[in-house]
Amino acid sequence: MPDDLADALLDCGAPGDASEAVGHVLATFEVSGEIADCRAMLRPYGAWEDAELSDHQTNLERLVWLAGCDLREHGEIYFTGY
């Protein structure tokens, strides 16, 4: 697994199951965020119900995965304002 954050995030955006790559990012790098802010960043995607957004650790996993997908597909990470 990569020790560079950018490379590790690129692995998160690779096709297929990204859970191992996401777990590596969360175990290797300090990833944090305010609970309400993380929920607010995920809500506009419309992929998760409010009840599903109640688990902060899972929300961090989702945000890492989304960041990896953006980086792989667009060469940058961009989250719209909430």
PDB file of N, CA and C in Angstrom:
ATOM      1  N   MET A   1       0.842  -1.195   0.000  1.00  0.00           N
ATOM      2  CA  MET A   1       0.000   0.000   0.000  1.00  0.00           C
ATOM      3  C   MET A   1       0.882   1.252   0.000  1.00  0.00           C
ATOM      4  N   PRO A   2       0.463   2.289  -0.708  1.00  0.00           N
ATOM      5  CA  PRO A   2       1.267   3.510  -0.801  1.00  0.00           C
ATOM      6  C   PRO A   2       1.361   4.259   0.528  1.00  0.00           C
ATOM      7  N   ASP A   3       2.496   4.917   0.741  1.00  0.00           N
ATOM      8  CA  ASP A   3       2.686   5.746   1.931  1.00  0.00           C
ATOM      9  C   ASP A   3       2.440   7.220   1.633  1.00  0.00           C
ATOM     10  N   ASP A   4       2.240   7.551   0.365  1.00  0.00           N
ATOM     11  CA  ASP A   4       1.943   8.914  -0.066  1.00  0.00           C
ATOM     12  C   ASP A   4       0.425   9.079  -0.113  1.00  0.00           C
ATOM     13  N   LEU A   5      -0.094  10.128   0.491  1.00  0.00           N
ATOM     14  CA  LEU A   5      -1.547  10.322   0.565  1.00  0.00           C
ATOM     15  C   LEU A   5      -2.190  10.381  -0.816  1.00  0.00           C
ATOM     16  N   ALA A   6      -1.604  11.111  -1.737  1.00  0.00           N
ATOM     17  CA  ALA A   6      -2.207  11.218  -3.075  1.00  0.00           C
ATOM     18  C   ALA A   6      -2.301   9.846  -3.740  1.00  0.00           C
ATOM     19  N   ASP A   7      -1.236   9.054  -3.660  1.00  0.00           N
ATOM     20  CA  ASP A   7      -1.270   7.714  -4.255  1.00  0.00           C
ATOM     21  C   ASP A   7      -2.274   6.819  -3.545  1.00  0.00           C
ATOM     22  N   ALA A   8      -2.341   6.945  -2.227  1.00  0.00           N
ATOM     23  CA  ALA A   8      -3.295   6.140  -1.463  1.00  0.00           C
ATOM     24  C   ALA A   8      -4.728   6.510  -1.836  1.00  0.00           C
ATOM     25  N   LEU A   9      -4.990   7.790  -2.031  1.00  0.00           N
ATOM     26  CA  LEU A   9      -6.329   8.219  -2.438  1.00  0.00           C
ATOM     27  C   LEU A   9      -6.655   7.741  -3.843  1.00  0.00           C
ATOM     28  N   LEU A  10      -5.675   7.759  -4.730  1.00  0.00           N
ATOM     29  CA  LEU A  10      -5.902   7.234  -6.082  1.00  0.00           C
ATOM     30  C   LEU A  10      -6.347   5.780  -6.030  1.00  0.00           C
ATOM     31  N   ASP A  11      -5.777   5.006  -5.126  1.00  0.00           N
ATOM     32  CA  ASP A  11      -6.203   3.606  -4.966  1.00  0.00           C
ATOM     33  C   ASP A  11      -7.665   3.524  -4.537  1.00  0.00           C
ATOM     34  N   CYS A  12      -8.120   4.500  -3.758  1.00  0.00           N
ATOM     35  CA  CYS A  12      -9.518   4.511  -3.298  1.00  0.00           C
ATOM     36  C   CYS A  12     -10.489   4.722  -4.450  1.00  0.00           C
ATOM     37  N   GLY A  13     -10.030   5.358  -5.506  1.00  0.00           N
ATOM     38  CA  GLY A  13     -10.890   5.634  -6.652  1.00  0.00           C
ATOM     39  C   GLY A  13     -10.792   4.607  -7.755  1.00  0.00           C
ATOM     40  N   ALA A  14     -10.017   3.548  -7.527  1.00  0.00           N
ATOM     41  CA  ALA A  14      -9.876   2.498  -8.543  1.00  0.00           C
ATOM     42  C   ALA A  14     -11.171   1.702  -8.656  1.00  0.00           C
ATOM     43  N   PRO A  15     -11.412   1.094  -9.805  1.00  0.00           N
ATOM     44  CA  PRO A  15     -12.625   0.273  -9.962  1.00  0.00           C
ATOM     45  C   PRO A  15     -12.645  -0.882  -8.966  1.00  0.00           C
ATOM     46  N   GLY A  16     -13.836  -1.287  -8.614  1.00  0.00           N
ATOM     47  CA  GLY A  16     -13.996  -2.425  -7.712  1.00  0.00           C
ATOM     48  C   GLY A  16     -14.151  -1.996  -6.267  1.00  0.00           C
ATOM     49  N   ASP A  17     -14.049  -2.972  -5.378  1.00  0.00           N
ATOM     50  CA  ASP A  17     -14.210  -2.752  -3.944  1.00  0.00           C
ATOM     51  C   ASP A  17     -13.044  -1.924  -3.419  1.00  0.00           C
ATOM     52  N   ALA A  18     -13.333  -0.761  -2.885  1.00  0.00           N
ATOM     53  CA  ALA A  18     -12.291   0.143  -2.408  1.00  0.00           C
ATOM     54  C   ALA A  18     -12.110   0.089  -0.897  1.00  0.00           C
ATOM     55  N   SER A  19     -12.779  -0.823  -0.228  1.00  0.00           N
ATOM     56  CA  SER A  19     -12.756  -0.815   1.234  1.00  0.00           C
ATOM     57  C   SER A  19     -11.354  -0.995   1.813  1.00  0.00           C
ATOM     58  N   GLU A  20     -10.526  -1.828   1.204  1.00  0.00           N
ATOM     59  CA  GLU A  20      -9.167  -2.019   1.717  1.00  0.00           C
ATOM     60  C   GLU A  20      -8.350  -0.736   1.554  1.00  0.00           C
ATOM     61  N   ALA A  21      -8.459  -0.079   0.410  1.00  0.00           N
ATOM     62  CA  ALA A  21      -7.724   1.161   0.164  1.00  0.00           C
ATOM     63  C   ALA A  21      -8.209   2.277   1.088  1.00  0.00           C
ATOM     64  N   VAL A  22      -9.511   2.366   1.294  1.00  0.00           N
ATOM     65  CA  VAL A  22     -10.066   3.375   2.200  1.00  0.00           C
ATOM     66  C   VAL A  22      -9.582   3.109   3.621  1.00  0.00           C
ATOM     67  N   GLY A  23      -9.612   1.853   4.038  1.00  0.00           N
ATOM     68  CA  GLY A  23      -9.125   1.494   5.369  1.00  0.00           C
ATOM     69  C   GLY A  23      -7.663   1.854   5.549  1.00  0.00           C
ATOM     70  N   HIS A  24      -6.868   1.659   4.496  1.00  0.00           N
ATOM     71  CA  HIS A  24      -5.449   2.017   4.554  1.00  0.00           C
ATOM     72  C   HIS A  24      -5.278   3.521   4.759  1.00  0.00           C
ATOM     73  N   VAL A  25      -6.022   4.321   4.025  1.00  0.00           N
ATOM     74  CA  VAL A  25      -5.932   5.776   4.178  1.00  0.00           C
ATOM     75  C   VAL A  25      -6.282   6.175   5.605  1.00  0.00           C
ATOM     76  N   LEU A  26      -7.358   5.626   6.127  1.00  0.00           N
ATOM     77  CA  LEU A  26      -7.798   6.007   7.474  1.00  0.00           C
ATOM     78  C   LEU A  26      -6.834   5.522   8.551  1.00  0.00           C
ATOM     79  N   ALA A  27      -6.153   4.396   8.313  1.00  0.00           N
ATOM     80  CA  ALA A  27      -5.208   3.871   9.295  1.00  0.00           C
ATOM     81  C   ALA A  27      -3.841   4.549   9.211  1.00  0.00           C
ATOM     82  N   THR A  28      -3.506   5.082   8.058  1.00  0.00           N
ATOM     83  CA  THR A  28      -2.161   5.620   7.834  1.00  0.00           C
ATOM     84  C   THR A  28      -2.092   7.134   7.986  1.00  0.00           C
ATOM     85  N   PHE A  29      -3.162   7.821   7.628  1.00  0.00           N
ATOM     86  CA  PHE A  29      -3.170   9.279   7.637  1.00  0.00           C
ATOM     87  C   PHE A  29      -4.238   9.778   8.600  1.00  0.00           C
ATOM     88  N   GLU A  30      -4.013  10.946   9.150  1.00  0.00           N
ATOM     89  CA  GLU A  30      -5.000  11.530  10.050  1.00  0.00           C
ATOM     90  C   GLU A  30      -6.123  12.144   9.218  1.00  0.00           C
ATOM     91  N   VAL A  31      -7.282  11.551   9.308  1.00  0.00           N
ATOM     92  CA  VAL A  31      -8.463  12.030   8.587  1.00  0.00           C
ATOM     93  C   VAL A  31      -9.513  12.364   9.634  1.00  0.00           C
ATOM     94  N   SER A  32      -9.961  13.594   9.624  1.00  0.00           N
ATOM     95  CA  SER A  32     -10.967  13.997  10.605  1.00  0.00           C
ATOM     96  C   SER A  32     -11.889  15.037   9.985  1.00  0.00           C
ATOM     97  N   GLY A  33     -12.901  15.345  10.693  1.00  0.00           N
ATOM     98  CA  GLY A  33     -13.857  16.357  10.257  1.00  0.00           C
ATOM     99  C   GLY A  33     -14.945  16.495  11.292  1.00  0.00           C
ATOM    100  N   GLU A  34     -15.520  17.642  11.345  1.00  0.00           N
ATOM    101  CA  GLU A  34     -16.638  17.853  12.264  1.00  0.00           C
ATOM    102  C   GLU A  34     -17.817  16.980  11.819  1.00  0.00           C
ATOM    103  N   ILE A  35     -18.493  16.400  12.758  1.00  0.00           N
ATOM    104  CA  ILE A  35     -19.598  15.480  12.461  1.00  0.00           C
ATOM    105  C   ILE A  35     -20.638  16.147  11.565  1.00  0.00           C
ATOM    106  N   ALA A  36     -21.073  17.324  11.936  1.00  0.00           N
ATOM    107  CA  ALA A  36     -22.116  18.009  11.163  1.00  0.00           C
ATOM    108  C   ALA A  36     -21.613  18.394   9.776  1.00  0.00           C
ATOM    109  N   ASP A  37     -20.356  18.815   9.686  1.00  0.00           N
ATOM    110  CA  ASP A  37     -19.803  19.199   8.387  1.00  0.00           C
ATOM    111  C   ASP A  37     -19.700  18.006   7.444  1.00  0.00           C
ATOM    112  N   CYS A  38     -19.269  16.865   7.969  1.00  0.00           N
ATOM    113  CA  CYS A  38     -19.159  15.664   7.129  1.00  0.00           C
ATOM    114  C   CYS A  38     -20.531  15.253   6.596  1.00  0.00           C
ATOM    115  N   ARG A  39     -21.526  15.258   7.481  1.00  0.00           N
ATOM    116  CA  ARG A  39     -22.895  14.942   7.049  1.00  0.00           C
ATOM    117  C   ARG A  39     -23.366  15.913   5.975  1.00  0.00           C
ATOM    118  N   ALA A  40     -23.094  17.185   6.200  1.00  0.00           N
ATOM    119  CA  ALA A  40     -23.537  18.213   5.252  1.00  0.00           C
ATOM    120  C   ALA A  40     -22.840  18.056   3.902  1.00  0.00           C
ATOM    121  N   MET A  41     -21.596  17.620   3.899  1.00  0.00           N
ATOM    122  CA  MET A  41     -20.888  17.425   2.629  1.00  0.00           C
ATOM    123  C   MET A  41     -21.428  16.225   1.860  1.00  0.00           C
ATOM    124  N   LEU A  42     -21.907  15.221   2.578  1.00  0.00           N
ATOM    125  CA  LEU A  42     -22.420  14.009   1.931  1.00  0.00           C
ATOM    126  C   LEU A  42     -23.878  14.133   1.501  1.00  0.00           C
ATOM    127  N   ARG A  43     -24.635  14.907   2.219  1.00  0.00           N
ATOM    128  CA  ARG A  43     -26.081  15.019   1.959  1.00  0.00           C
ATOM    129  C   ARG A  43     -26.416  15.396   0.516  1.00  0.00           C
ATOM    130  N   PRO A  44     -25.720  16.356  -0.117  1.00  0.00           N
ATOM    131  CA  PRO A  44     -26.080  16.739  -1.488  1.00  0.00           C
ATOM    132  C   PRO A  44     -25.906  15.620  -2.526  1.00  0.00           C
ATOM    133  N   TYR A  45     -25.120  14.605  -2.211  1.00  0.00           N
ATOM    134  CA  TYR A  45     -24.965  13.500  -3.157  1.00  0.00           C
ATOM    135  C   TYR A  45     -26.273  12.729  -3.320  1.00  0.00           C
ATOM    136  N   GLY A  46     -27.130  12.783  -2.305  1.00  0.00           N
ATOM    137  CA  GLY A  46     -28.425  12.125  -2.379  1.00  0.00           C
ATOM    138  C   GLY A  46     -28.352  10.602  -2.365  1.00  0.00           C
ATOM    139  N   ALA A  47     -27.220  10.065  -1.995  1.00  0.00           N
ATOM    140  CA  ALA A  47     -27.037   8.606  -2.011  1.00  0.00           C
ATOM    141  C   ALA A  47     -27.361   7.962  -0.676  1.00  0.00           C
ATOM    142  N   TRP A  48     -27.459   8.757   0.379  1.00  0.00           N
ATOM    143  CA  TRP A  48     -27.671   8.209   1.706  1.00  0.00           C
ATOM    144  C   TRP A  48     -28.790   8.951   2.408  1.00  0.00           C
ATOM    145  N   GLU A  49     -29.624   8.200   3.103  1.00  0.00           N
ATOM    146  CA  GLU A  49     -30.688   8.780   3.919  1.00  0.00           C
ATOM    147  C   GLU A  49     -30.070   9.377   5.183  1.00  0.00           C
ATOM    148  N   ASP A  50     -30.794  10.262   5.849  1.00  0.00           N
ATOM    149  CA  ASP A  50     -30.283  10.883   7.069  1.00  0.00           C
ATOM    150  C   ASP A  50     -29.871   9.851   8.113  1.00  0.00           C
ATOM    151  N   ALA A  51     -30.639   8.785   8.247  1.00  0.00           N
ATOM    152  CA  ALA A  51     -30.293   7.746   9.225  1.00  0.00           C
ATOM    153  C   ALA A  51     -28.957   7.086   8.882  1.00  0.00           C
ATOM    154  N   GLU A  52     -28.666   6.961   7.588  1.00  0.00           N
ATOM    155  CA  GLU A  52     -27.402   6.359   7.161  1.00  0.00           C
ATOM    156  C   GLU A  52     -26.220   7.286   7.401  1.00  0.00           C
ATOM    157  N   LEU A  53     -26.486   8.561   7.520  1.00  0.00           N
ATOM    158  CA  LEU A  53     -25.425   9.540   7.738  1.00  0.00           C
ATOM    159  C   LEU A  53     -25.144   9.770   9.219  1.00  0.00           C
ATOM    160  N   SER A  54     -25.695   8.946  10.090  1.00  0.00           N
ATOM    161  CA  SER A  54     -25.519   9.142  11.528  1.00  0.00           C
ATOM    162  C   SER A  54     -24.221   8.535  12.065  1.00  0.00           C
ATOM    163  N   ASP A  55     -23.558   7.690  11.296  1.00  0.00           N
ATOM    164  CA  ASP A  55     -22.311   7.056  11.736  1.00  0.00           C
ATOM    165  C   ASP A  55     -21.124   7.857  11.190  1.00  0.00           C
ATOM    166  N   HIS A  56     -20.435   8.554  12.084  1.00  0.00           N
ATOM    167  CA  HIS A  56     -19.355   9.449  11.657  1.00  0.00           C
ATOM    168  C   HIS A  56     -18.199   8.697  10.996  1.00  0.00           C
ATOM    169  N   GLN A  57     -17.807   7.567  11.532  1.00  0.00           N
ATOM    170  CA  GLN A  57     -16.707   6.803  10.948  1.00  0.00           C
ATOM    171  C   GLN A  57     -17.041   6.375   9.517  1.00  0.00           C
ATOM    172  N   THR A  58     -18.251   5.923   9.314  1.00  0.00           N
ATOM    173  CA  THR A  58     -18.685   5.541   7.968  1.00  0.00           C
ATOM    174  C   THR A  58     -18.694   6.754   7.046  1.00  0.00           C
ATOM    175  N   ASN A  59     -19.080   7.907   7.576  1.00  0.00           N
ATOM    176  CA  ASN A  59     -19.064   9.127   6.758  1.00  0.00           C
ATOM    177  C   ASN A  59     -17.640   9.491   6.354  1.00  0.00           C
ATOM    178  N   LEU A  60     -16.680   9.319   7.252  1.00  0.00           N
ATOM    179  CA  LEU A  60     -15.287   9.578   6.895  1.00  0.00           C
ATOM    180  C   LEU A  60     -14.837   8.620   5.792  1.00  0.00           C
ATOM    181  N   GLU A  61     -15.251   7.364   5.895  1.00  0.00           N
ATOM    182  CA  GLU A  61     -14.929   6.389   4.850  1.00  0.00           C
ATOM    183  C   GLU A  61     -15.522   6.822   3.512  1.00  0.00           C
ATOM    184  N   ARG A  62     -16.750   7.282   3.531  1.00  0.00           N
ATOM    185  CA  ARG A  62     -17.402   7.748   2.296  1.00  0.00           C
ATOM    186  C   ARG A  62     -16.665   8.938   1.699  1.00  0.00           C
ATOM    187  N   LEU A  63     -16.265   9.869   2.551  1.00  0.00           N
ATOM    188  CA  LEU A  63     -15.575  11.058   2.062  1.00  0.00           C
ATOM    189  C   LEU A  63     -14.206  10.714   1.481  1.00  0.00           C
ATOM    190  N   VAL A  64     -13.494   9.780   2.111  1.00  0.00           N
ATOM    191  CA  VAL A  64     -12.204   9.346   1.574  1.00  0.00           C
ATOM    192  C   VAL A  64     -12.418   8.686   0.216  1.00  0.00           C
ATOM    193  N   TRP A  65     -13.425   7.837   0.112  1.00  0.00           N
ATOM    194  CA  TRP A  65     -13.720   7.163  -1.155  1.00  0.00           C
ATOM    195  C   TRP A  65     -14.066   8.176  -2.243  1.00  0.00           C
ATOM    196  N   LEU A  66     -14.934   9.138  -1.908  1.00  0.00           N
ATOM    197  CA  LEU A  66     -15.317  10.160  -2.879  1.00  0.00           C
ATOM    198  C   LEU A  66     -14.118  11.015  -3.293  1.00  0.00           C
ATOM    199  N   ALA A  67     -13.256  11.339  -2.333  1.00  0.00           N
ATOM    200  CA  ALA A  67     -12.054  12.108  -2.662  1.00  0.00           C
ATOM    201  C   ALA A  67     -11.173  11.321  -3.629  1.00  0.00           C
ATOM    202  N   GLY A  68     -11.020  10.030  -3.381  1.00  0.00           N
ATOM    203  CA  GLY A  68     -10.231   9.193  -4.279  1.00  0.00           C
ATOM    204  C   GLY A  68     -10.820   9.115  -5.670  1.00  0.00           C
ATOM    205  N   CYS A  69     -12.127   9.018  -5.756  1.00  0.00           N
ATOM    206  CA  CYS A  69     -12.796   8.967  -7.064  1.00  0.00           C
ATOM    207  C   CYS A  69     -12.596  10.275  -7.818  1.00  0.00           C
ATOM    208  N   ASP A  70     -12.756  11.419  -7.131  1.00  0.00           N
ATOM    209  CA  ASP A  70     -12.545  12.715  -7.774  1.00  0.00           C
ATOM    210  C   ASP A  70     -11.104  12.862  -8.257  1.00  0.00           C
ATOM    211  N   LEU A  71     -10.166  12.462  -7.422  1.00  0.00           N
ATOM    212  CA  LEU A  71      -8.762  12.584  -7.783  1.00  0.00           C
ATOM    213  C   LEU A  71      -8.432  11.726  -9.001  1.00  0.00           C
ATOM    214  N   ARG A  72      -8.949  10.508  -9.028  1.00  0.00           N
ATOM    215  CA  ARG A  72      -8.673   9.608 -10.152  1.00  0.00           C
ATOM    216  C   ARG A  72      -9.361  10.095 -11.434  1.00  0.00           C
ATOM    217  N   GLU A  73     -10.602  10.555 -11.327  1.00  0.00           N
ATOM    218  CA  GLU A  73     -11.367  10.926 -12.512  1.00  0.00           C
ATOM    219  C   GLU A  73     -11.066  12.335 -13.028  1.00  0.00           C
ATOM    220  N   HIS A  74     -10.734  13.256 -12.106  1.00  0.00           N
ATOM    221  CA  HIS A  74     -10.596  14.660 -12.503  1.00  0.00           C
ATOM    222  C   HIS A  74      -9.223  15.257 -12.199  1.00  0.00           C
ATOM    223  N   GLY A  75      -8.383  14.508 -11.509  1.00  0.00           N
ATOM    224  CA  GLY A  75      -7.060  15.018 -11.175  1.00  0.00           C
ATOM    225  C   GLY A  75      -7.042  15.993 -10.019  1.00  0.00           C
ATOM    226  N   GLU A  76      -8.181  16.183  -9.380  1.00  0.00           N
ATOM    227  CA  GLU A  76      -8.275  17.056  -8.216  1.00  0.00           C
ATOM    228  C   GLU A  76      -9.428  16.597  -7.339  1.00  0.00           C
ATOM    229  N   ILE A  77      -9.420  17.084  -6.126  1.00  0.00           N
ATOM    230  CA  ILE A  77     -10.492  16.754  -5.183  1.00  0.00           C
ATOM    231  C   ILE A  77     -11.308  18.015  -4.969  1.00  0.00           C
ATOM    232  N   TYR A  78     -12.596  17.890  -5.177  1.00  0.00           N
ATOM    233  CA  TYR A  78     -13.464  19.055  -5.056  1.00  0.00           C
ATOM    234  C   TYR A  78     -14.782  18.639  -4.414  1.00  0.00           C
ATOM    235  N   PHE A  79     -15.107  19.267  -3.309  1.00  0.00           N
ATOM    236  CA  PHE A  79     -16.408  19.071  -2.690  1.00  0.00           C
ATOM    237  C   PHE A  79     -17.164  20.371  -2.794  1.00  0.00           C
ATOM    238  N   THR A  80     -18.379  20.302  -3.301  1.00  0.00           N
ATOM    239  CA  THR A  80     -19.173  21.520  -3.444  1.00  0.00           C
ATOM    240  C   THR A  80     -19.524  22.059  -2.064  1.00  0.00           C
ATOM    241  N   GLY A  81     -19.768  23.341  -2.001  1.00  0.00           N
ATOM    242  CA  GLY A  81     -20.183  23.953  -0.747  1.00  0.00           C
ATOM    243  C   GLY A  81     -21.533  23.407  -0.335  1.00  0.00           C
ATOM    244  N   TYR A  82     -21.742  23.357   0.894  1.00  0.00           N
ATOM    245  CA  TYR A  82     -23.007  22.866   1.425  1.00  0.00           C
ATOM    246  C   TYR A  82     -23.665  24.005   2.087  1.00  0.00           C
TER     247      TYR A  82
END
